């Protein structure tokens, strides 16, 4: 029964995440694209800017997403006080060990993850 509840919780989390991503994409396309002419596809942006000559925003365009991701991780860990690694898998079956975070592997304690 506990595995069913974990699976249900994981599926609800996936559904909420997919809904949030869909809303974000819809808002970006309807609000941001007409204002700034932005593109959500880096390959398309780079390919159309390359023949146009010097592209002064290239450094920012390619580094900002990575820096934003790192800032989000730092903010999450600061707010939550978490220093341990967390697994990206939403559902861990009880009978199978996780090769990503070590859950269920023999000899790995909770504080080592």
C-alpha atoms as a PDB file:
ATOM      1  CA  UNK A   1       0.000   0.000   0.000  1.00  0.00           C
ATOM      2  CA  UNK A   2       2.872   2.408   0.767  1.00  0.00           C
ATOM      3  CA  UNK A   3       4.302   1.861  -2.719  1.00  0.00           C
ATOM      4  CA  UNK A   4       0.920   2.728  -4.240  1.00  0.00           C
ATOM      5  CA  UNK A   5       0.775   5.969  -2.250  1.00  0.00           C
ATOM      6  CA  UNK A   6       4.358   6.826  -3.311  1.00  0.00           C
ATOM      7  CA  UNK A   7       3.526   6.148  -6.947  1.00  0.00           C
ATOM      8  CA  UNK A   8       0.348   8.228  -6.721  1.00  0.00           C
ATOM      9  CA  UNK A   9       2.299  11.103  -5.143  1.00  0.00           C
ATOM     10  CA  UNK A  10       4.949  10.850  -7.858  1.00  0.00           C
ATOM     11  CA  UNK A  11       2.355  10.906 -10.639  1.00  0.00           C
ATOM     12  CA  UNK A  12       0.644  13.938  -9.113  1.00  0.00           C
ATOM     13  CA  UNK A  13       4.022  15.680  -8.951  1.00  0.00           C
ATOM     14  CA  UNK A  14       4.694  14.879 -12.614  1.00  0.00           C
ATOM     15  CA  UNK A  15       1.269  16.149 -13.638  1.00  0.00           C
ATOM     16  CA  UNK A  16       1.760  19.387 -11.690  1.00  0.00           C
ATOM     17  CA  UNK A  17       5.202  19.870 -13.215  1.00  0.00           C
ATOM     18  CA  UNK A  18       3.954  19.301 -16.749  1.00  0.00           C
ATOM     19  CA  UNK A  19       1.096  21.733 -16.176  1.00  0.00           C
ATOM     20  CA  UNK A  20       3.483  24.391 -14.861  1.00  0.00           C
ATOM     21  CA  UNK A  21       5.806  23.946 -17.853  1.00  0.00           C
ATOM     22  CA  UNK A  22       2.877  24.203 -20.259  1.00  0.00           C
ATOM     23  CA  UNK A  23       1.647  27.413 -18.626  1.00  0.00           C
ATOM     24  CA  UNK A  24       5.163  28.871 -18.684  1.00  0.00           C
ATOM     25  CA  UNK A  25       5.595  28.118 -22.396  1.00  0.00           C
ATOM     26  CA  UNK A  26       2.174  29.583 -23.219  1.00  0.00           C
ATOM     27  CA  UNK A  27       2.955  32.784 -21.296  1.00  0.00           C
ATOM     28  CA  UNK A  28       6.393  33.072 -22.918  1.00  0.00           C
ATOM     29  CA  UNK A  29       4.968  32.706 -26.409  1.00  0.00           C
ATOM     30  CA  UNK A  30       2.020  35.054 -25.928  1.00  0.00           C
ATOM     31  CA  UNK A  31       3.623  37.741 -23.772  1.00  0.00           C
ATOM     32  CA  UNK A  32       7.404  37.734 -24.159  1.00  0.00           C
ATOM     33  CA  UNK A  33       7.873  36.840 -27.833  1.00  0.00           C
ATOM     34  CA  UNK A  34       5.921  39.818 -29.228  1.00  0.00           C
ATOM     35  CA  UNK A  35       7.721  42.231 -26.868  1.00  0.00           C
ATOM     36  CA  UNK A  36      11.329  41.166 -27.340  1.00  0.00           C
ATOM     37  CA  UNK A  37      11.320  38.877 -30.368  1.00  0.00           C
ATOM     38  CA  UNK A  38      12.803  36.131 -28.227  1.00  0.00           C
ATOM     39  CA  UNK A  39      13.104  32.553 -29.358  1.00  0.00           C
ATOM     40  CA  UNK A  40      12.805  29.482 -27.155  1.00  0.00           C
ATOM     41  CA  UNK A  41      15.072  27.441 -29.437  1.00  0.00           C
ATOM     42  CA  UNK A  42      18.784  28.307 -29.048  1.00  0.00           C
ATOM     43  CA  UNK A  43      19.690  26.620 -32.346  1.00  0.00           C
ATOM     44  CA  UNK A  44      17.164  28.745 -34.238  1.00  0.00           C
ATOM     45  CA  UNK A  45      18.372  31.934 -32.582  1.00  0.00           C
ATOM     46  CA  UNK A  46      22.021  31.139 -33.221  1.00  0.00           C
ATOM     47  CA  UNK A  47      21.459  30.052 -36.830  1.00  0.00           C
ATOM     48  CA  UNK A  48      19.594  33.222 -37.741  1.00  0.00           C
ATOM     49  CA  UNK A  49      22.064  35.489 -35.897  1.00  0.00           C
ATOM     50  CA  UNK A  50      25.217  33.902 -37.332  1.00  0.00           C
ATOM     51  CA  UNK A  51      24.933  35.255 -40.896  1.00  0.00           C
ATOM     52  CA  UNK A  52      23.809  38.662 -39.583  1.00  0.00           C
ATOM     53  CA  UNK A  53      27.289  39.423 -38.292  1.00  0.00           C
ATOM     54  CA  UNK A  54      28.476  40.237 -34.771  1.00  0.00           C
ATOM     55  CA  UNK A  55      26.142  38.927 -32.164  1.00  0.00           C
ATOM     56  CA  UNK A  56      26.782  40.807 -28.945  1.00  0.00           C
ATOM     57  CA  UNK A  57      24.274  38.850 -26.844  1.00  0.00           C
ATOM     58  CA  UNK A  58      25.725  35.381 -27.476  1.00  0.00           C
ATOM     59  CA  UNK A  59      27.627  35.133 -24.220  1.00  0.00           C
ATOM     60  CA  UNK A  60      24.612  36.123 -22.155  1.00  0.00           C
ATOM     61  CA  UNK A  61      22.230  33.952 -24.181  1.00  0.00           C
ATOM     62  CA  UNK A  62      24.247  30.789 -23.555  1.00  0.00           C
ATOM     63  CA  UNK A  63      25.442  31.425 -19.986  1.00  0.00           C
ATOM     64  CA  UNK A  64      22.303  32.908 -18.385  1.00  0.00           C
ATOM     65  CA  UNK A  65      20.309  29.637 -18.312  1.00  0.00           C
ATOM     66  CA  UNK A  66      23.185  27.769 -16.661  1.00  0.00           C
ATOM     67  CA  UNK A  67      23.759  30.549 -14.124  1.00  0.00           C
ATOM     68  CA  UNK A  68      20.020  30.692 -13.412  1.00  0.00           C
ATOM     69  CA  UNK A  69      19.966  26.946 -12.817  1.00  0.00           C
ATOM     70  CA  UNK A  70      22.908  27.166 -10.417  1.00  0.00           C
ATOM     71  CA  UNK A  71      21.301  30.097  -8.587  1.00  0.00           C
ATOM     72  CA  UNK A  72      18.075  28.106  -8.221  1.00  0.00           C
ATOM     73  CA  UNK A  73      19.972  25.163  -6.716  1.00  0.00           C
ATOM     74  CA  UNK A  74      21.809  27.468  -4.304  1.00  0.00           C
ATOM     75  CA  UNK A  75      18.548  29.163  -3.320  1.00  0.00           C
ATOM     76  CA  UNK A  76      16.794  25.849  -2.760  1.00  0.00           C
ATOM     77  CA  UNK A  77      19.608  24.510  -0.630  1.00  0.00           C
ATOM     78  CA  UNK A  78      19.794  27.760   1.346  1.00  0.00           C
ATOM     79  CA  UNK A  79      16.052  27.784   2.068  1.00  0.00           C
ATOM     80  CA  UNK A  80      15.800  24.068   2.791  1.00  0.00           C
ATOM     81  CA  UNK A  81      19.147  23.746   4.540  1.00  0.00           C
ATOM     82  CA  UNK A  82      19.889  20.697   2.436  1.00  0.00           C
ATOM     83  CA  UNK A  83      23.491  19.705   1.865  1.00  0.00           C
ATOM     84  CA  UNK A  84      22.916  16.156   0.674  1.00  0.00           C
ATOM     85  CA  UNK A  85      22.328  15.136  -2.916  1.00  0.00           C
ATOM     86  CA  UNK A  86      18.766  14.479  -3.885  1.00  0.00           C
ATOM     87  CA  UNK A  87      17.641  12.036  -6.533  1.00  0.00           C
ATOM     88  CA  UNK A  88      15.795  13.197  -9.631  1.00  0.00           C
ATOM     89  CA  UNK A  89      13.717  10.020  -9.715  1.00  0.00           C
ATOM     90  CA  UNK A  90      10.228  10.582  -8.396  1.00  0.00           C
ATOM     91  CA  UNK A  91       9.469   6.955  -7.589  1.00  0.00           C
ATOM     92  CA  UNK A  92      11.787   4.428  -5.976  1.00  0.00           C
ATOM     93  CA  UNK A  93      10.429   0.869  -6.028  1.00  0.00           C
ATOM     94  CA  UNK A  94      11.187  -0.919  -2.763  1.00  0.00           C
ATOM     95  CA  UNK A  95      12.577  -4.005  -4.491  1.00  0.00           C
ATOM     96  CA  UNK A  96      15.059  -2.221  -6.817  1.00  0.00           C
ATOM     97  CA  UNK A  97      18.063  -0.115  -5.776  1.00  0.00           C
ATOM     98  CA  UNK A  98      18.562   3.315  -7.323  1.00  0.00           C
ATOM     99  CA  UNK A  99      21.811   3.717  -9.249  1.00  0.00           C
ATOM    100  CA  UNK A 100      21.527   7.524  -9.082  1.00  0.00           C
ATOM    101  CA  UNK A 101      21.206   8.253  -5.366  1.00  0.00           C
ATOM    102  CA  UNK A 102      22.088   4.917  -3.795  1.00  0.00           C
ATOM    103  CA  UNK A 103      18.742   4.257  -2.116  1.00  0.00           C
ATOM    104  CA  UNK A 104      18.436   0.549  -1.465  1.00  0.00           C
ATOM    105  CA  UNK A 105      22.086  -0.222  -2.257  1.00  0.00           C
ATOM    106  CA  UNK A 106      23.846  -2.201   0.456  1.00  0.00           C
ATOM    107  CA  UNK A 107      26.411  -0.288   2.500  1.00  0.00           C
ATOM    108  CA  UNK A 108      25.114   3.224   1.694  1.00  0.00           C
ATOM    109  CA  UNK A 109      23.752   5.122   4.662  1.00  0.00           C
ATOM    110  CA  UNK A 110      21.206   7.914   4.434  1.00  0.00           C
ATOM    111  CA  UNK A 111      23.809  10.561   5.362  1.00  0.00           C
ATOM    112  CA  UNK A 112      26.130   9.464   2.530  1.00  0.00           C
ATOM    113  CA  UNK A 113      23.666  10.331  -0.231  1.00  0.00           C
END
